[in-house]
């Protein structure tokens, strides 16, 4: 065993993520190598110091952004298909090297066993099922939303979502179950097309504070420009009177990577172009934005700002 390998795996060793045989070899090497022993001591001190620091709770926006980036990465990953996807040896090896994963699977299995036992021992054969199909699933039990469809010429919306077994629920946009699933799809679904369908439907009820917050989150953090543009269009009527919406549009104007989203943001900000924060951003973009189009549009909007006596 070489020192380079030991130094590359010391962090895994300190955090108890190294296989048993590799741990033994590393310990044997460190016992006779002063340089690697010093490296191990420093890493342990680092872990101890970090464990003493406070751990702030992530904000909902950060969680939404992280989920969206993860889901976009999953979309780009080509999954293994057929029997090739079933590799029990690799799966068991992953469980062995990942105590956290093993613990989660153990808890899920235990919960499933308790639920099955309860269903078998409670009530008579004619009793209602423990979880009626009419009740909406909680976010924790939803594996993903597969399709969102609005019936032509009707206000009825059909949403199919997966739990342990694929399920679906039907209702109109005023139905709390439908709203709950649409909000979940907008923030967390792995399929960008489903996210766009969800934002498109939610845009019909932007007066709801929860829905407006979800639209702001989609505008700022969704990785798909089509979803961001849909959210921006839905928020447009509220830019003038809602400071939170205006700030989100300003942030999108300054930081979005898509020229179409930025151009639409400038268009939506025109009714409040005399606002100090809006004017400050437009002046900054007009003076030095990398996009010639954005510089020109910002200059044009600023030129139409009325003079203040």
C-alpha atoms as a PDB file:
ATOM      1  CA  UNK A   1       0.000   0.000   0.000  1.00  0.00           C
ATOM      2  CA  UNK A   2       1.392   3.396  -1.056  1.00  0.00           C
ATOM      3  CA  UNK A   3       1.210   6.703   0.782  1.00  0.00           C
ATOM      4  CA  UNK A   4      -0.711   8.319  -2.080  1.00  0.00           C
ATOM      5  CA  UNK A   5      -3.539   5.793  -1.712  1.00  0.00           C
ATOM      6  CA  UNK A   6      -3.604   6.257   2.069  1.00  0.00           C
ATOM      7  CA  UNK A   7      -3.795  10.059   1.818  1.00  0.00           C
ATOM      8  CA  UNK A   8      -6.572   9.804  -0.760  1.00  0.00           C
ATOM      9  CA  UNK A   9      -8.652   7.588   1.556  1.00  0.00           C
ATOM     10  CA  UNK A  10      -7.937   9.042   4.989  1.00  0.00           C
ATOM     11  CA  UNK A  11     -11.091  11.158   4.897  1.00  0.00           C
ATOM     12  CA  UNK A  12     -13.215   8.073   4.190  1.00  0.00           C
ATOM     13  CA  UNK A  13     -11.471   6.304   7.061  1.00  0.00           C
ATOM     14  CA  UNK A  14     -12.109   9.144   9.522  1.00  0.00           C
ATOM     15  CA  UNK A  15     -15.795   9.307   8.572  1.00  0.00           C
ATOM     16  CA  UNK A  16     -16.203   5.502   8.812  1.00  0.00           C
ATOM     17  CA  UNK A  17     -16.952   5.067   5.113  1.00  0.00           C
ATOM     18  CA  UNK A  18     -14.054   2.747   4.257  1.00  0.00           C
ATOM     19  CA  UNK A  19     -14.475  -1.001   3.786  1.00  0.00           C
ATOM     20  CA  UNK A  20     -13.250  -3.222   6.639  1.00  0.00           C
ATOM     21  CA  UNK A  21     -10.373  -4.771   4.711  1.00  0.00           C
ATOM     22  CA  UNK A  22      -9.232  -1.356   3.460  1.00  0.00           C
ATOM     23  CA  UNK A  23      -9.455   0.049   7.009  1.00  0.00           C
ATOM     24  CA  UNK A  24      -7.183  -2.715   8.275  1.00  0.00           C
ATOM     25  CA  UNK A  25      -4.605  -2.088   5.561  1.00  0.00           C
ATOM     26  CA  UNK A  26      -4.688   1.664   6.171  1.00  0.00           C
ATOM     27  CA  UNK A  27      -4.219   1.212   9.920  1.00  0.00           C
ATOM     28  CA  UNK A  28      -1.277  -1.107   9.341  1.00  0.00           C
ATOM     29  CA  UNK A  29       0.358   1.405   7.025  1.00  0.00           C
ATOM     30  CA  UNK A  30      -0.217   4.369   9.375  1.00  0.00           C
ATOM     31  CA  UNK A  31       1.348   2.426  12.249  1.00  0.00           C
ATOM     32  CA  UNK A  32       4.682   2.343  10.421  1.00  0.00           C
ATOM     33  CA  UNK A  33       4.533   5.613   8.416  1.00  0.00           C
ATOM     34  CA  UNK A  34       5.034   8.855  10.365  1.00  0.00           C
ATOM     35  CA  UNK A  35       4.000  11.094   7.468  1.00  0.00           C
ATOM     36  CA  UNK A  36       0.656   9.348   6.960  1.00  0.00           C
ATOM     37  CA  UNK A  37       0.099   9.228  10.724  1.00  0.00           C
ATOM     38  CA  UNK A  38       0.477  13.004  10.837  1.00  0.00           C
ATOM     39  CA  UNK A  39      -1.977  13.339   7.954  1.00  0.00           C
ATOM     40  CA  UNK A  40      -4.474  11.172   9.835  1.00  0.00           C
ATOM     41  CA  UNK A  41      -4.098  13.291  12.973  1.00  0.00           C
ATOM     42  CA  UNK A  42      -4.767  16.518  11.052  1.00  0.00           C
ATOM     43  CA  UNK A  43      -7.858  15.026   9.393  1.00  0.00           C
ATOM     44  CA  UNK A  44      -9.254  13.861  12.736  1.00  0.00           C
ATOM     45  CA  UNK A  45      -8.693  17.321  14.226  1.00  0.00           C
ATOM     46  CA  UNK A  46     -10.462  18.865  11.234  1.00  0.00           C
ATOM     47  CA  UNK A  47     -13.486  16.594  11.746  1.00  0.00           C
ATOM     48  CA  UNK A  48     -13.576  17.410  15.428  1.00  0.00           C
ATOM     49  CA  UNK A  49     -13.462  21.148  14.731  1.00  0.00           C
ATOM     50  CA  UNK A  50     -16.172  20.961  12.089  1.00  0.00           C
ATOM     51  CA  UNK A  51     -18.451  18.918  14.343  1.00  0.00           C
ATOM     52  CA  UNK A  52     -18.396  21.720  16.930  1.00  0.00           C
ATOM     53  CA  UNK A  53     -19.660  24.344  14.497  1.00  0.00           C
ATOM     54  CA  UNK A  54     -23.416  25.089  14.335  1.00  0.00           C
ATOM     55  CA  UNK A  55     -25.243  23.479  11.446  1.00  0.00           C
ATOM     56  CA  UNK A  56     -27.750  25.938   9.942  1.00  0.00           C
ATOM     57  CA  UNK A  57     -30.928  24.566   8.418  1.00  0.00           C
ATOM     58  CA  UNK A  58     -31.044  24.926   4.615  1.00  0.00           C
ATOM     59  CA  UNK A  59     -33.644  27.351   3.294  1.00  0.00           C
ATOM     60  CA  UNK A  60     -36.598  26.054   1.233  1.00  0.00           C
ATOM     61  CA  UNK A  61     -35.236  27.887  -1.797  1.00  0.00           C
ATOM     62  CA  UNK A  62     -31.841  26.214  -1.460  1.00  0.00           C
ATOM     63  CA  UNK A  63     -33.501  22.809  -1.164  1.00  0.00           C
ATOM     64  CA  UNK A  64     -35.638  23.500  -4.224  1.00  0.00           C
ATOM     65  CA  UNK A  65     -32.607  24.619  -6.235  1.00  0.00           C
ATOM     66  CA  UNK A  66     -30.581  21.595  -5.182  1.00  0.00           C
ATOM     67  CA  UNK A  67     -33.407  19.199  -6.034  1.00  0.00           C
ATOM     68  CA  UNK A  68     -33.863  20.821  -9.425  1.00  0.00           C
ATOM     69  CA  UNK A  69     -30.152  20.528 -10.252  1.00  0.00           C
ATOM     70  CA  UNK A  70     -30.094  16.912  -9.125  1.00  0.00           C
ATOM     71  CA  UNK A  71     -33.161  16.061 -11.156  1.00  0.00           C
ATOM     72  CA  UNK A  72     -31.774  17.778 -14.244  1.00  0.00           C
ATOM     73  CA  UNK A  73     -28.616  15.682 -13.853  1.00  0.00           C
ATOM     74  CA  UNK A  74     -30.722  12.538 -13.567  1.00  0.00           C
ATOM     75  CA  UNK A  75     -32.525  13.487 -16.772  1.00  0.00           C
ATOM     76  CA  UNK A  76     -29.215  13.662 -18.623  1.00  0.00           C
ATOM     77  CA  UNK A  77     -28.069  10.309 -17.266  1.00  0.00           C
ATOM     78  CA  UNK A  78     -28.852   7.308 -19.461  1.00  0.00           C
ATOM     79  CA  UNK A  79     -30.211   4.617 -17.110  1.00  0.00           C
ATOM     80  CA  UNK A  80     -29.200   0.985 -17.391  1.00  0.00           C
ATOM     81  CA  UNK A  81     -32.071  -1.041 -18.801  1.00  0.00           C
ATOM     82  CA  UNK A  82     -33.393  -4.563 -18.528  1.00  0.00           C
ATOM     83  CA  UNK A  83     -31.553  -7.170 -16.484  1.00  0.00           C
ATOM     84  CA  UNK A  84     -28.363  -5.113 -16.658  1.00  0.00           C
ATOM     85  CA  UNK A  85     -29.887  -2.717 -14.141  1.00  0.00           C
ATOM     86  CA  UNK A  86     -30.207  -5.545 -11.593  1.00  0.00           C
ATOM     87  CA  UNK A  87     -26.705  -5.966 -10.214  1.00  0.00           C
ATOM     88  CA  UNK A  88     -27.174  -7.415  -6.708  1.00  0.00           C
ATOM     89  CA  UNK A  89     -23.442  -7.736  -6.090  1.00  0.00           C
ATOM     90  CA  UNK A  90     -22.781  -4.060  -6.783  1.00  0.00           C
ATOM     91  CA  UNK A  91     -25.874  -3.066  -4.829  1.00  0.00           C
ATOM     92  CA  UNK A  92     -24.840  -5.046  -1.763  1.00  0.00           C
ATOM     93  CA  UNK A  93     -21.321  -3.650  -2.037  1.00  0.00           C
ATOM     94  CA  UNK A  94     -22.753  -0.136  -2.071  1.00  0.00           C
ATOM     95  CA  UNK A  95     -24.808  -0.924   1.027  1.00  0.00           C
ATOM     96  CA  UNK A  96     -21.757  -2.259   2.773  1.00  0.00           C
ATOM     97  CA  UNK A  97     -19.749   0.872   2.073  1.00  0.00           C
ATOM     98  CA  UNK A  98     -22.593   3.263   2.881  1.00  0.00           C
ATOM     99  CA  UNK A  99     -23.928   2.855   6.422  1.00  0.00           C
ATOM    100  CA  UNK A 100     -26.395   5.711   5.906  1.00  0.00           C
ATOM    101  CA  UNK A 101     -28.011   3.957   2.948  1.00  0.00           C
ATOM    102  CA  UNK A 102     -28.231   0.698   4.853  1.00  0.00           C
ATOM    103  CA  UNK A 103     -29.885   2.464   7.790  1.00  0.00           C
ATOM    104  CA  UNK A 104     -32.483   4.114   5.554  1.00  0.00           C
ATOM    105  CA  UNK A 105     -33.321   0.803   3.875  1.00  0.00           C
ATOM    106  CA  UNK A 106     -33.604  -0.879   7.255  1.00  0.00           C
ATOM    107  CA  UNK A 107     -36.044   1.774   8.504  1.00  0.00           C
ATOM    108  CA  UNK A 108     -38.124   1.561   5.315  1.00  0.00           C
ATOM    109  CA  UNK A 109     -38.300  -2.218   5.617  1.00  0.00           C
ATOM    110  CA  UNK A 110     -39.263  -2.024   9.264  1.00  0.00           C
ATOM    111  CA  UNK A 111     -41.999   0.531   8.548  1.00  0.00           C
ATOM    112  CA  UNK A 112     -43.337  -1.623   5.721  1.00  0.00           C
ATOM    113  CA  UNK A 113     -43.461  -4.672   7.987  1.00  0.00           C
ATOM    114  CA  UNK A 114     -45.281  -2.786  10.733  1.00  0.00           C
ATOM    115  CA  UNK A 115     -47.796  -1.435   8.204  1.00  0.00           C
ATOM    116  CA  UNK A 116     -48.444  -4.889   6.748  1.00  0.00           C
ATOM    117  CA  UNK A 117     -48.918  -6.391  10.220  1.00  0.00           C
ATOM    118  CA  UNK A 118     -51.345  -3.650  11.210  1.00  0.00           C
ATOM    119  CA  UNK A 119     -53.459  -4.171   8.092  1.00  0.00           C
ATOM    120  CA  UNK A 120     -53.645  -7.928   8.673  1.00  0.00           C
ATOM    121  CA  UNK A 121     -54.586  -7.650  12.349  1.00  0.00           C
ATOM    122  CA  UNK A 122     -56.988  -4.699  12.352  1.00  0.00           C
ATOM    123  CA  UNK A 123     -60.683  -4.650  11.491  1.00  0.00           C
ATOM    124  CA  UNK A 124     -62.923  -7.106   9.734  1.00  0.00           C
ATOM    125  CA  UNK A 125     -62.693  -8.121   6.057  1.00  0.00           C
ATOM    126  CA  UNK A 126     -65.320  -5.498   5.277  1.00  0.00           C
ATOM    127  CA  UNK A 127     -63.376  -2.687   6.944  1.00  0.00           C
ATOM    128  CA  UNK A 128     -62.083   0.206   4.856  1.00  0.00           C
ATOM    129  CA  UNK A 129     -58.438   0.067   3.710  1.00  0.00           C
ATOM    130  CA  UNK A 130     -55.879   1.793   5.925  1.00  0.00           C
ATOM    131  CA  UNK A 131     -55.027   4.356   3.214  1.00  0.00           C
ATOM    132  CA  UNK A 132     -58.062   5.165   1.040  1.00  0.00           C
ATOM    133  CA  UNK A 133     -57.225   5.888  -2.588  1.00  0.00           C
ATOM    134  CA  UNK A 134     -59.137   9.170  -2.358  1.00  0.00           C
ATOM    135  CA  UNK A 135     -56.678  10.672   0.121  1.00  0.00           C
ATOM    136  CA  UNK A 136     -53.743  12.590  -1.364  1.00  0.00           C
ATOM    137  CA  UNK A 137     -50.276  11.216  -0.792  1.00  0.00           C
ATOM    138  CA  UNK A 138     -47.829  13.194   1.291  1.00  0.00           C
ATOM    139  CA  UNK A 139     -44.739  14.585  -0.439  1.00  0.00           C
ATOM    140  CA  UNK A 140     -42.572  12.065   1.383  1.00  0.00           C
ATOM    141  CA  UNK A 141     -44.495   9.164  -0.178  1.00  0.00           C
ATOM    142  CA  UNK A 142     -44.436  10.468  -3.762  1.00  0.00           C
ATOM    143  CA  UNK A 143     -41.755   8.908  -5.934  1.00  0.00           C
ATOM    144  CA  UNK A 144     -42.511  11.207  -8.878  1.00  0.00           C
ATOM    145  CA  UNK A 145     -45.275  12.725 -10.987  1.00  0.00           C
ATOM    146  CA  UNK A 146     -45.444  11.127 -14.424  1.00  0.00           C
ATOM    147  CA  UNK A 147     -48.065  13.159 -16.315  1.00  0.00           C
ATOM    148  CA  UNK A 148     -50.259  16.244 -15.927  1.00  0.00           C
ATOM    149  CA  UNK A 149     -53.214  16.551 -18.323  1.00  0.00           C
ATOM    150  CA  UNK A 150     -56.039  19.077 -18.545  1.00  0.00           C
ATOM    151  CA  UNK A 151     -59.161  17.699 -20.213  1.00  0.00           C
ATOM    152  CA  UNK A 152     -59.922  19.635 -23.449  1.00  0.00           C
ATOM    153  CA  UNK A 153     -62.784  22.087 -22.993  1.00  0.00           C
ATOM    154  CA  UNK A 154     -62.954  21.384 -19.257  1.00  0.00           C
ATOM    155  CA  UNK A 155     -61.438  22.628 -16.008  1.00  0.00           C
ATOM    156  CA  UNK A 156     -60.724  19.031 -14.930  1.00  0.00           C
ATOM    157  CA  UNK A 157     -57.063  18.159 -14.379  1.00  0.00           C
ATOM    158  CA  UNK A 158     -55.685  14.623 -14.188  1.00  0.00           C
ATOM    159  CA  UNK A 159     -52.383  13.983 -12.412  1.00  0.00           C
ATOM    160  CA  UNK A 160     -50.684  10.595 -12.353  1.00  0.00           C
ATOM    161  CA  UNK A 161     -48.056  10.093  -9.670  1.00  0.00           C
ATOM    162  CA  UNK A 162     -46.014   7.165  -8.403  1.00  0.00           C
ATOM    163  CA  UNK A 163     -45.733   5.891  -4.861  1.00  0.00           C
ATOM    164  CA  UNK A 164     -45.126   2.214  -4.222  1.00  0.00           C
ATOM    165  CA  UNK A 165     -47.758   1.634  -6.923  1.00  0.00           C
ATOM    166  CA  UNK A 166     -48.638   4.245  -9.595  1.00  0.00           C
ATOM    167  CA  UNK A 167     -51.718   6.235  -8.612  1.00  0.00           C
ATOM    168  CA  UNK A 168     -53.737   9.104 -10.033  1.00  0.00           C
ATOM    169  CA  UNK A 169     -56.084  11.776  -8.770  1.00  0.00           C
ATOM    170  CA  UNK A 170     -58.587  13.930 -10.644  1.00  0.00           C
ATOM    171  CA  UNK A 171     -60.088  17.299  -9.826  1.00  0.00           C
ATOM    172  CA  UNK A 172     -60.130  20.967 -10.833  1.00  0.00           C
ATOM    173  CA  UNK A 173     -57.585  23.632 -10.004  1.00  0.00           C
ATOM    174  CA  UNK A 174     -59.492  24.643  -6.858  1.00  0.00           C
ATOM    175  CA  UNK A 175     -59.058  21.132  -5.424  1.00  0.00           C
ATOM    176  CA  UNK A 176     -56.501  21.171  -2.596  1.00  0.00           C
ATOM    177  CA  UNK A 177     -55.228  17.737  -3.647  1.00  0.00           C
ATOM    178  CA  UNK A 178     -54.573  18.965  -7.174  1.00  0.00           C
ATOM    179  CA  UNK A 179     -52.842  22.101  -5.913  1.00  0.00           C
ATOM    180  CA  UNK A 180     -50.678  20.064  -3.540  1.00  0.00           C
ATOM    181  CA  UNK A 181     -49.484  17.774  -6.327  1.00  0.00           C
ATOM    182  CA  UNK A 182     -48.936  20.644  -8.757  1.00  0.00           C
ATOM    183  CA  UNK A 183     -46.791  22.469  -6.201  1.00  0.00           C
ATOM    184  CA  UNK A 184     -44.805  19.290  -5.599  1.00  0.00           C
ATOM    185  CA  UNK A 185     -44.318  18.765  -9.335  1.00  0.00           C
ATOM    186  CA  UNK A 186     -43.175  22.350  -9.870  1.00  0.00           C
ATOM    187  CA  UNK A 187     -40.491  22.091  -7.203  1.00  0.00           C
ATOM    188  CA  UNK A 188     -39.375  18.493  -7.173  1.00  0.00           C
ATOM    189  CA  UNK A 189     -40.229  16.467 -10.264  1.00  0.00           C
ATOM    190  CA  UNK A 190     -37.337  15.011 -12.243  1.00  0.00           C
ATOM    191  CA  UNK A 191     -39.079  15.548 -15.604  1.00  0.00           C
ATOM    192  CA  UNK A 192     -38.738  19.109 -16.923  1.00  0.00           C
ATOM    193  CA  UNK A 193     -41.797  18.648 -19.163  1.00  0.00           C
ATOM    194  CA  UNK A 194     -43.948  17.797 -16.138  1.00  0.00           C
ATOM    195  CA  UNK A 195     -42.521  20.787 -14.261  1.00  0.00           C
ATOM    196  CA  UNK A 196     -43.456  23.024 -17.179  1.00  0.00           C
ATOM    197  CA  UNK A 197     -46.999  21.607 -17.332  1.00  0.00           C
ATOM    198  CA  UNK A 198     -47.358  22.173 -13.594  1.00  0.00           C
ATOM    199  CA  UNK A 199     -46.124  25.782 -13.738  1.00  0.00           C
ATOM    200  CA  UNK A 200     -48.433  26.404 -16.703  1.00  0.00           C
ATOM    201  CA  UNK A 201     -51.451  25.291 -14.653  1.00  0.00           C
ATOM    202  CA  UNK A 202     -50.342  27.051 -11.471  1.00  0.00           C
ATOM    203  CA  UNK A 203     -50.051  30.274 -13.448  1.00  0.00           C
ATOM    204  CA  UNK A 204     -53.853  30.280 -13.645  1.00  0.00           C
ATOM    205  CA  UNK A 205     -54.042  30.941  -9.871  1.00  0.00           C
ATOM    206  CA  UNK A 206     -51.105  33.219  -9.006  1.00  0.00           C
ATOM    207  CA  UNK A 207     -53.200  35.059  -6.383  1.00  0.00           C
ATOM    208  CA  UNK A 208     -52.541  32.184  -3.953  1.00  0.00           C
ATOM    209  CA  UNK A 209     -49.451  33.048  -1.872  1.00  0.00           C
ATOM    210  CA  UNK A 210     -48.177  29.449  -1.911  1.00  0.00           C
ATOM    211  CA  UNK A 211     -48.490  29.277  -5.675  1.00  0.00           C
ATOM    212  CA  UNK A 212     -46.825  32.648  -6.172  1.00  0.00           C
ATOM    213  CA  UNK A 213     -43.908  31.550  -3.980  1.00  0.00           C
ATOM    214  CA  UNK A 214     -43.581  28.336  -6.027  1.00  0.00           C
ATOM    215  CA  UNK A 215     -43.543  30.391  -9.242  1.00  0.00           C
ATOM    216  CA  UNK A 216     -40.801  32.632  -7.831  1.00  0.00           C
ATOM    217  CA  UNK A 217     -38.794  29.555  -6.881  1.00  0.00           C
ATOM    218  CA  UNK A 218     -39.209  28.108 -10.377  1.00  0.00           C
ATOM    219  CA  UNK A 219     -38.132  31.404 -11.939  1.00  0.00           C
ATOM    220  CA  UNK A 220     -34.960  31.622  -9.886  1.00  0.00           C
ATOM    221  CA  UNK A 221     -33.872  28.011  -9.541  1.00  0.00           C
ATOM    222  CA  UNK A 222     -35.352  25.723 -12.203  1.00  0.00           C
ATOM    223  CA  UNK A 223     -32.672  24.478 -14.592  1.00  0.00           C
ATOM    224  CA  UNK A 224     -34.995  24.439 -17.612  1.00  0.00           C
ATOM    225  CA  UNK A 225     -35.352  27.857 -19.331  1.00  0.00           C
ATOM    226  CA  UNK A 226     -38.835  26.965 -20.602  1.00  0.00           C
ATOM    227  CA  UNK A 227     -40.043  26.442 -17.030  1.00  0.00           C
ATOM    228  CA  UNK A 228     -38.409  29.705 -15.917  1.00  0.00           C
ATOM    229  CA  UNK A 229     -40.053  31.615 -18.760  1.00  0.00           C
ATOM    230  CA  UNK A 230     -43.486  30.172 -17.910  1.00  0.00           C
ATOM    231  CA  UNK A 231     -43.054  31.216 -14.285  1.00  0.00           C
ATOM    232  CA  UNK A 232     -41.915  34.691 -15.322  1.00  0.00           C
ATOM    233  CA  UNK A 233     -44.942  35.212 -17.555  1.00  0.00           C
ATOM    234  CA  UNK A 234     -47.258  34.149 -14.721  1.00  0.00           C
ATOM    235  CA  UNK A 235     -45.626  36.595 -12.301  1.00  0.00           C
ATOM    236  CA  UNK A 236     -45.746  39.506 -14.767  1.00  0.00           C
ATOM    237  CA  UNK A 237     -49.010  41.094 -13.550  1.00  0.00           C
ATOM    238  CA  UNK A 238     -47.630  41.281  -9.993  1.00  0.00           C
ATOM    239  CA  UNK A 239     -44.281  42.950 -10.672  1.00  0.00           C
ATOM    240  CA  UNK A 240     -45.584  46.449 -10.011  1.00  0.00           C
ATOM    241  CA  UNK A 241     -47.380  45.808  -6.706  1.00  0.00           C
ATOM    242  CA  UNK A 242     -45.512  42.864  -5.159  1.00  0.00           C
ATOM    243  CA  UNK A 243     -41.984  43.758  -4.031  1.00  0.00           C
ATOM    244  CA  UNK A 244     -41.032  40.098  -3.611  1.00  0.00           C
ATOM    245  CA  UNK A 245     -42.018  39.338  -7.204  1.00  0.00           C
ATOM    246  CA  UNK A 246     -40.203  42.470  -8.429  1.00  0.00           C
ATOM    247  CA  UNK A 247     -37.012  41.438  -6.626  1.00  0.00           C
ATOM    248  CA  UNK A 248     -37.209  37.951  -8.144  1.00  0.00           C
ATOM    249  CA  UNK A 249     -37.623  39.404 -11.651  1.00  0.00           C
ATOM    250  CA  UNK A 250     -34.686  41.758 -11.054  1.00  0.00           C
ATOM    251  CA  UNK A 251     -32.537  38.830  -9.932  1.00  0.00           C
ATOM    252  CA  UNK A 252     -33.520  36.860 -13.022  1.00  0.00           C
ATOM    253  CA  UNK A 253     -32.706  39.859 -15.218  1.00  0.00           C
ATOM    254  CA  UNK A 254     -29.219  40.101 -13.757  1.00  0.00           C
ATOM    255  CA  UNK A 255     -28.299  36.432 -13.381  1.00  0.00           C
ATOM    256  CA  UNK A 256     -30.347  34.230 -15.717  1.00  0.00           C
ATOM    257  CA  UNK A 257     -28.294  32.443 -18.363  1.00  0.00           C
ATOM    258  CA  UNK A 258     -31.056  32.531 -20.985  1.00  0.00           C
ATOM    259  CA  UNK A 259     -31.358  35.681 -23.166  1.00  0.00           C
ATOM    260  CA  UNK A 260     -35.095  35.128 -23.681  1.00  0.00           C
ATOM    261  CA  UNK A 261     -35.774  35.093 -19.940  1.00  0.00           C
ATOM    262  CA  UNK A 262     -33.743  38.281 -19.449  1.00  0.00           C
ATOM    263  CA  UNK A 263     -35.472  40.066 -22.325  1.00  0.00           C
ATOM    264  CA  UNK A 264     -38.909  39.168 -20.933  1.00  0.00           C
ATOM    265  CA  UNK A 265     -37.805  40.391 -17.492  1.00  0.00           C
ATOM    266  CA  UNK A 266     -36.929  43.822 -18.922  1.00  0.00           C
ATOM    267  CA  UNK A 267     -40.316  43.963 -20.647  1.00  0.00           C
ATOM    268  CA  UNK A 268     -42.170  43.135 -17.422  1.00  0.00           C
ATOM    269  CA  UNK A 269     -40.216  45.736 -15.422  1.00  0.00           C
ATOM    270  CA  UNK A 270     -41.195  48.663 -17.663  1.00  0.00           C
ATOM    271  CA  UNK A 271     -44.323  49.612 -15.644  1.00  0.00           C
ATOM    272  CA  UNK A 272     -42.139  50.162 -12.557  1.00  0.00           C
ATOM    273  CA  UNK A 273     -39.065  51.565 -14.329  1.00  0.00           C
ATOM    274  CA  UNK A 274     -39.119  54.667 -12.119  1.00  0.00           C
ATOM    275  CA  UNK A 275     -38.584  52.539  -8.999  1.00  0.00           C
ATOM    276  CA  UNK A 276     -35.151  53.185  -7.511  1.00  0.00           C
ATOM    277  CA  UNK A 277     -34.015  49.537  -7.377  1.00  0.00           C
ATOM    278  CA  UNK A 278     -35.225  48.884 -10.927  1.00  0.00           C
ATOM    279  CA  UNK A 279     -33.531  52.000 -12.257  1.00  0.00           C
ATOM    280  CA  UNK A 280     -30.274  51.107 -10.500  1.00  0.00           C
ATOM    281  CA  UNK A 281     -30.190  47.637 -12.093  1.00  0.00           C
ATOM    282  CA  UNK A 282     -31.060  49.007 -15.548  1.00  0.00           C
ATOM    283  CA  UNK A 283     -28.291  51.626 -15.302  1.00  0.00           C
ATOM    284  CA  UNK A 284     -25.804  48.916 -14.365  1.00  0.00           C
ATOM    285  CA  UNK A 285     -26.843  46.716 -17.284  1.00  0.00           C
ATOM    286  CA  UNK A 286     -26.887  49.620 -19.744  1.00  0.00           C
ATOM    287  CA  UNK A 287     -23.350  50.542 -18.750  1.00  0.00           C
ATOM    288  CA  UNK A 288     -21.649  47.172 -18.915  1.00  0.00           C
ATOM    289  CA  UNK A 289     -23.719  44.057 -19.595  1.00  0.00           C
ATOM    290  CA  UNK A 290     -22.018  41.468 -21.791  1.00  0.00           C
ATOM    291  CA  UNK A 291     -25.087  41.247 -24.040  1.00  0.00           C
ATOM    292  CA  UNK A 292     -25.426  44.085 -26.532  1.00  0.00           C
ATOM    293  CA  UNK A 293     -29.190  43.461 -26.730  1.00  0.00           C
ATOM    294  CA  UNK A 294     -29.594  43.783 -22.957  1.00  0.00           C
ATOM    295  CA  UNK A 295     -27.530  46.998 -22.969  1.00  0.00           C
ATOM    296  CA  UNK A 296     -29.707  48.452 -25.719  1.00  0.00           C
ATOM    297  CA  UNK A 297     -33.001  47.451 -24.084  1.00  0.00           C
ATOM    298  CA  UNK A 298     -31.912  48.777 -20.695  1.00  0.00           C
ATOM    299  CA  UNK A 299     -30.894  52.098 -22.275  1.00  0.00           C
ATOM    300  CA  UNK A 300     -34.226  52.301 -24.112  1.00  0.00           C
ATOM    301  CA  UNK A 301     -36.252  51.707 -20.948  1.00  0.00           C
ATOM    302  CA  UNK A 302     -34.193  54.234 -18.975  1.00  0.00           C
ATOM    303  CA  UNK A 303     -34.740  56.851 -21.669  1.00  0.00           C
ATOM    304  CA  UNK A 304     -38.499  56.550 -21.139  1.00  0.00           C
ATOM    305  CA  UNK A 305     -38.302  57.215 -17.391  1.00  0.00           C
ATOM    306  CA  UNK A 306     -40.040  60.554 -16.653  1.00  0.00           C
ATOM    307  CA  UNK A 307     -37.947  63.321 -15.235  1.00  0.00           C
ATOM    308  CA  UNK A 308     -38.400  64.045 -11.533  1.00  0.00           C
ATOM    309  CA  UNK A 309     -38.991  67.725 -10.760  1.00  0.00           C
END
